[in-house]
Protein backbone atom coordinates (compact mmCIF):
# COMPACT_ATOMS: atom_id res chain seq x y z
CA UNK A 1 112.08 -63.95 13.59
CA UNK A 2 111.36 -62.63 9.87
CA UNK A 3 109.75 -66.02 8.68
CA UNK A 4 107.43 -65.93 12.09
CA UNK A 5 106.03 -62.60 10.91
CA UNK A 6 105.89 -63.28 7.33
CA UNK A 7 103.53 -66.24 8.63
CA UNK A 8 101.49 -63.95 10.65
CA UNK A 9 100.56 -61.78 7.76
CA UNK A 10 99.99 -64.93 5.95
CA UNK A 11 97.38 -65.92 8.38
CA UNK A 12 95.93 -62.69 8.87
CA UNK A 13 95.39 -62.15 4.74
CA UNK A 14 94.06 -65.88 4.74
CA UNK A 15 91.32 -65.07 7.59
CA UNK A 16 90.05 -61.60 6.08
CA UNK A 17 89.38 -63.66 3.11
CA UNK A 18 86.33 -65.09 4.92
CA UNK A 19 83.77 -62.46 4.36
CA UNK A 20 84.66 -62.51 0.51
CA UNK A 21 84.22 -66.07 0.39
CA UNK A 22 81.09 -65.85 1.99
CA UNK A 23 80.04 -63.35 -0.67
CA UNK A 24 80.75 -65.53 -3.39
CA UNK A 25 79.07 -68.53 -1.90
CA UNK A 26 75.92 -66.96 -3.52
CA UNK A 27 72.70 -67.61 -2.21
CA UNK A 28 73.14 -70.39 -0.01
CA UNK A 29 71.43 -69.93 3.98
CA UNK A 30 73.57 -68.75 6.63
CA UNK A 31 73.26 -71.76 8.42
CA UNK A 32 73.83 -74.50 5.91
CA UNK A 33 77.22 -72.25 5.04
CA UNK A 34 78.03 -72.42 8.81
CA UNK A 35 77.61 -75.57 8.97
CA UNK A 36 79.24 -77.37 5.98
CA UNK A 37 82.42 -74.86 7.19
CA UNK A 38 82.76 -76.54 10.90
CA UNK A 39 81.18 -79.54 9.61
CA UNK A 40 84.49 -80.14 7.02
CA UNK A 41 86.92 -79.18 9.74
CA UNK A 42 85.78 -81.45 11.97
CA UNK A 43 86.16 -84.14 9.56
CA UNK A 44 89.39 -83.39 8.80
CA UNK A 45 90.61 -82.75 12.53
CA UNK A 46 89.11 -85.97 13.31
CA UNK A 47 91.28 -87.83 10.82
CA UNK A 48 94.15 -86.21 11.59
CA UNK A 49 93.91 -87.05 15.37
CA UNK A 50 92.89 -90.53 14.98
CA UNK A 51 96.18 -91.03 12.53
CA UNK A 52 98.04 -88.76 15.07
CA UNK A 53 96.99 -90.97 18.27
CA UNK A 54 96.08 -94.51 16.35
CA UNK A 55 94.88 -96.41 19.72
CA UNK A 56 96.28 -94.42 21.86
CA UNK A 57 94.59 -92.51 24.46
CA UNK A 58 92.91 -89.37 23.59
CA UNK A 59 92.13 -87.44 26.89
CA UNK A 60 89.55 -84.94 25.05
CA UNK A 61 87.61 -88.07 23.60
CA UNK A 62 88.14 -89.83 27.27
CA UNK A 63 86.74 -87.09 29.33
CA UNK A 64 85.19 -84.56 27.39
CA UNK A 65 83.97 -81.50 29.71
CA UNK A 66 79.93 -79.85 29.28
CA UNK A 67 81.92 -77.02 28.46
CA UNK A 68 83.31 -78.89 24.95
CA UNK A 69 79.89 -78.95 23.81
CA UNK A 70 78.95 -75.78 25.29
CA UNK A 71 81.58 -74.22 23.25
CA UNK A 72 80.40 -75.57 20.02
CA UNK A 73 77.17 -73.88 20.48
CA UNK A 74 78.32 -70.74 20.68
CA UNK A 75 80.77 -71.00 17.75
CA UNK A 76 77.09 -72.16 15.70
CA UNK A 77 75.81 -69.03 17.21
CA UNK A 78 78.67 -66.97 16.48
CA UNK A 79 79.17 -68.46 12.61
CA UNK A 80 75.32 -68.55 11.88
CA UNK A 81 74.82 -64.92 12.97
CA UNK A 82 77.98 -63.44 11.49
CA UNK A 83 77.27 -64.93 7.87
CA UNK A 84 73.70 -63.61 7.87
CA UNK A 85 74.65 -60.78 8.78
CA UNK A 86 77.08 -60.55 5.77
CA UNK A 87 73.89 -61.33 4.03
CA UNK A 88 72.09 -58.44 5.15
CA UNK A 89 74.69 -55.75 5.62
CA UNK A 90 77.86 -54.57 4.23
CA UNK A 91 80.88 -56.20 4.51
CA UNK A 92 82.40 -53.31 6.50
CA UNK A 93 79.89 -52.99 9.44
CA UNK A 94 79.98 -57.03 9.54
CA UNK A 95 83.33 -57.46 10.15
CA UNK A 96 83.98 -54.13 11.99
CA UNK A 97 81.39 -54.77 14.76
CA UNK A 98 82.33 -58.37 15.24
CA UNK A 99 85.73 -57.52 15.77
CA UNK A 100 84.30 -55.57 19.20
CA UNK A 101 84.52 -59.16 20.61
CA UNK A 102 87.73 -58.34 22.95
CA UNK A 103 85.34 -55.51 24.13
CA UNK A 104 82.81 -58.45 25.27
CA UNK A 105 85.25 -60.70 26.44
CA UNK A 106 86.62 -57.94 29.24
CA UNK A 107 83.01 -57.81 30.39
CA UNK A 108 82.64 -61.80 30.36
CA UNK A 109 85.87 -61.81 32.89
CA UNK A 110 84.52 -59.35 35.11
CA UNK A 111 81.46 -61.11 35.46
CA UNK A 112 82.45 -64.88 35.49
CA UNK A 113 86.32 -65.48 36.08
CA UNK A 114 86.38 -62.21 38.43
CA UNK A 115 88.54 -60.78 36.80
CA UNK A 116 88.62 -56.54 37.23
CA UNK A 117 90.19 -54.43 34.86
CA UNK A 118 91.71 -51.45 35.60
CA UNK A 119 89.27 -48.16 35.85
CA UNK A 120 91.27 -46.57 33.20
CA UNK A 121 89.78 -49.19 30.80
CA UNK A 122 86.04 -47.50 31.50
CA UNK A 123 86.93 -44.68 28.43
CA UNK A 124 87.90 -47.33 26.22
CA UNK A 125 84.76 -49.31 26.47
CA UNK A 126 82.69 -45.70 26.00
CA UNK A 127 84.72 -45.43 22.97
CA UNK A 128 83.78 -48.78 21.69
CA UNK A 129 80.04 -48.58 22.14
CA UNK A 130 79.99 -45.03 20.38
CA UNK A 131 81.99 -46.75 17.49
CA UNK A 132 79.31 -49.64 17.35
CA UNK A 133 76.51 -46.70 17.99
CA UNK A 134 77.85 -44.97 15.04
CA UNK A 135 78.06 -47.89 12.37
CA UNK A 136 74.65 -49.18 13.55
CA UNK A 137 72.59 -45.83 13.82
CA UNK A 138 73.46 -45.54 10.12
CA UNK A 139 71.32 -48.14 9.64
CA UNK A 140 68.22 -46.99 11.67
CA UNK A 141 65.23 -47.00 9.52
CA UNK A 142 63.35 -49.63 10.84
CA UNK A 143 62.51 -50.85 6.90
CA UNK A 144 65.99 -51.41 6.28
CA UNK A 145 67.29 -54.80 6.57
CA UNK A 146 70.84 -53.66 7.07
CA UNK A 147 70.34 -52.27 11.14
CA UNK A 148 69.02 -56.63 10.99
CA UNK A 149 72.40 -57.61 9.93
CA UNK A 150 74.06 -54.99 11.74
CA UNK A 151 72.69 -56.38 15.43
CA UNK A 152 73.42 -60.01 14.05
CA UNK A 153 77.26 -59.12 13.73
CA UNK A 154 76.66 -57.62 17.64
CA UNK A 155 75.34 -61.00 18.41
CA UNK A 156 78.15 -62.73 16.89
CA UNK A 157 80.90 -60.99 18.77
CA UNK A 158 78.99 -61.66 21.98
CA UNK A 159 78.97 -65.10 21.05
CA UNK A 160 82.65 -65.32 19.98
CA UNK A 161 84.27 -63.70 23.01
CA UNK A 162 81.95 -66.11 25.74
CA UNK A 163 83.30 -68.85 22.93
CA UNK A 164 87.26 -67.60 23.53
CA UNK A 165 86.47 -67.36 27.59
CA UNK A 166 85.53 -71.39 27.32
CA UNK A 167 88.73 -72.01 25.56
CA UNK A 168 90.77 -69.77 28.06
CA UNK A 169 89.10 -72.06 30.74
CA UNK A 170 90.53 -75.11 29.44
CA UNK A 171 93.91 -73.61 27.99
CA UNK A 172 95.77 -76.49 29.45
CA UNK A 173 94.49 -79.11 27.30
CA UNK A 174 96.98 -81.32 26.21
CA UNK A 175 95.11 -82.48 23.54
CA UNK A 176 93.95 -79.79 21.61
CA UNK A 177 93.23 -81.21 18.09
CA UNK A 178 90.87 -83.79 20.32
CA UNK A 179 89.14 -80.77 21.77
CA UNK A 180 88.37 -78.88 18.53
CA UNK A 181 87.33 -81.99 16.89
CA UNK A 182 84.38 -81.93 20.03
CA UNK A 183 83.78 -78.74 19.99
CA UNK A 184 83.39 -78.22 15.81
CA UNK A 185 81.52 -81.73 15.93
CA UNK A 186 79.17 -79.86 18.25
CA UNK A 187 78.90 -76.68 16.36
CA UNK A 188 77.93 -79.14 12.93
CA UNK A 189 75.05 -80.71 15.30
CA UNK A 190 73.88 -77.50 16.39
CA UNK A 191 73.95 -75.66 12.61
CA UNK A 192 71.96 -79.05 11.49
CA UNK A 193 69.84 -78.67 13.78
CA UNK A 194 68.96 -74.85 13.34
CA UNK A 195 68.93 -75.93 9.70
CA UNK A 196 66.05 -78.74 9.86
CA UNK A 197 64.20 -76.16 12.01
CA UNK A 198 64.45 -73.48 9.53
CA UNK A 199 64.03 -75.62 6.51
CA UNK A 200 67.42 -75.02 4.75
CA UNK A 201 68.15 -77.30 2.23
CA UNK A 202 71.32 -79.34 2.44
CA UNK A 203 72.47 -80.05 -1.26
CA UNK A 204 70.81 -78.57 -4.06
CA UNK A 205 73.73 -75.63 -4.65
CA UNK A 206 75.70 -74.78 -7.89
CA UNK A 207 79.03 -75.78 -8.18
CA UNK A 208 80.33 -72.63 -6.84
CA UNK A 209 78.69 -72.76 -3.84
CA UNK A 210 80.51 -75.70 -3.29
CA UNK A 211 83.62 -74.51 -3.82
CA UNK A 212 83.54 -71.50 -1.92
CA UNK A 213 82.10 -74.04 1.40
CA UNK A 214 84.80 -75.98 0.77
CA UNK A 215 87.51 -73.31 0.55
CA UNK A 216 85.82 -71.19 3.54
CA UNK A 217 86.44 -74.71 5.61
CA UNK A 218 90.28 -75.07 4.26
CA UNK A 219 91.58 -71.60 4.16
CA UNK A 220 90.13 -69.22 6.81
CA UNK A 221 88.98 -72.10 9.32
CA UNK A 222 91.67 -74.37 8.82
CA UNK A 223 94.67 -73.09 7.58
CA UNK A 224 94.22 -69.08 8.75
CA UNK A 225 93.73 -69.78 12.28
CA UNK A 226 96.04 -72.90 12.66
CA UNK A 227 98.74 -70.17 11.13
CA UNK A 228 97.73 -68.04 13.87
CA UNK A 229 97.63 -70.39 16.81
CA UNK A 230 101.05 -71.51 15.70
CA UNK A 231 102.42 -67.84 15.76
CA UNK A 232 100.89 -67.23 19.11
CA UNK A 233 103.36 -70.00 20.35
CA UNK A 234 105.91 -68.35 18.73
CA UNK A 235 105.96 -64.39 19.50
CA UNK A 236 103.82 -62.85 22.25
CA UNK A 237 99.76 -63.32 22.07
CA UNK A 238 99.15 -58.93 22.05
CA UNK A 239 101.33 -58.85 18.95
CA UNK A 240 99.21 -61.72 17.10
CA UNK A 241 96.07 -59.76 18.37
CA UNK A 242 97.71 -56.11 17.40
CA UNK A 243 98.35 -57.80 13.86
CA UNK A 244 94.48 -59.27 13.68
CA UNK A 245 93.30 -55.24 13.87
CA UNK A 246 94.58 -55.30 10.03
CA UNK A 247 91.56 -57.87 9.29
CA UNK A 248 88.45 -55.62 9.12
CA UNK A 249 90.64 -52.93 7.11
CA UNK A 250 91.58 -55.74 4.81
CA UNK A 251 87.80 -57.08 4.65
CA UNK A 252 86.76 -53.58 4.15
CA UNK A 253 88.94 -52.58 1.22
CA UNK A 254 88.18 -56.44 -0.26
CA UNK A 255 84.62 -55.04 -0.10
CA UNK A 256 85.12 -51.76 -1.85
CA UNK A 257 87.42 -53.24 -4.73
CA UNK A 258 85.16 -56.65 -5.16
CA UNK A 259 81.37 -55.20 -4.63
CA UNK A 260 81.96 -51.70 -4.51
CA UNK A 261 80.87 -51.09 -1.06
CA UNK A 262 81.89 -47.90 -0.27
CA UNK A 263 81.38 -46.64 3.30
CA UNK A 264 79.53 -43.57 4.22
CA UNK A 265 81.78 -40.56 6.26
CA UNK A 266 80.09 -41.80 9.42
CA UNK A 267 81.20 -45.17 8.99
CA UNK A 268 85.15 -44.26 9.32
CA UNK A 269 84.20 -41.98 12.62
CA UNK A 270 82.64 -45.67 13.78
CA UNK A 271 85.51 -47.66 12.91
CA UNK A 272 88.37 -45.33 14.15
CA UNK A 273 86.61 -45.18 17.36
CA UNK A 274 86.49 -49.40 17.38
CA UNK A 275 89.90 -49.69 16.07
CA UNK A 276 91.61 -47.08 18.96
CA UNK A 277 89.67 -48.52 21.59
CA UNK A 278 91.08 -52.25 20.38
CA UNK A 279 94.18 -50.96 20.42
CA UNK A 280 93.72 -49.11 23.98
CA UNK A 281 92.71 -52.71 25.29
CA UNK A 282 95.90 -53.96 23.73
CA UNK A 283 98.12 -51.33 24.89
CA UNK A 284 96.80 -51.91 28.16
CA UNK A 285 97.48 -55.50 28.56
CA UNK A 286 101.04 -54.97 27.34
CA UNK A 287 101.59 -52.00 30.06
CA UNK A 288 102.37 -53.99 33.11
CA UNK A 289 101.31 -50.71 35.09
CA UNK A 290 97.58 -51.14 33.20
CA UNK A 291 97.56 -54.42 33.06
CA UNK A 292 93.68 -56.05 32.30
CA UNK A 293 92.79 -59.14 31.85
CA UNK A 294 91.16 -60.73 28.71
């Protein structure tokens, strides 16, 4: 059991490096970073799936559902908007606002899955919204680019919540690597189309930028999320989600240490509200008397 929790912490640390690696990528368009992140992941997973299955029938490729491609679209929106937000606002603002995706997941569950949470969760939503307001309102000056970055982080949270909802609808998919290949491949196509539309170059970057984009795909995307998925199969998922609450804290600390991004006092009030709301959601998910479906 100790090994599982040690791996969980390792996975969280690796995932938390994502925002820092993106900052080190340099002056590379957000869509390009997103493209190479999912493209490299799709290629590696595709090779792994081909080697594992050989000529055997692959259910994910044989009968791909349109949800797979829509999930790829949502994942592309999530990465493009989040990476763009990191280029416009602080790591602390971006990562805490993106971490509100469980709140939006509950909202989607109500309207799409008809799964209604307990009425006692209403204050949780209000607390989360207050936290988002406190963080965003600090950058409310129209002349500041930070407000755009904050809003893009919220867009990223909404799209990621919808992406996870589709993943849940296909949680019984036996060929999970094959499913991810289609999703990541679709996301890469969407990112490429976005980059072509915006005129972003696919080459011409320095060596550091290429190394960082490769590390982003191999580290936080493949290794980090793979470890977290493995841990989710060994221990209750709520414990993994609880551990993931460390991600915004670690990323914020990294922003302070490496980039000198010291959040103002109002940020801590907003971040405290968001963390409190997420902890309450997880507690209600664990408590059978106040269980909610997310």
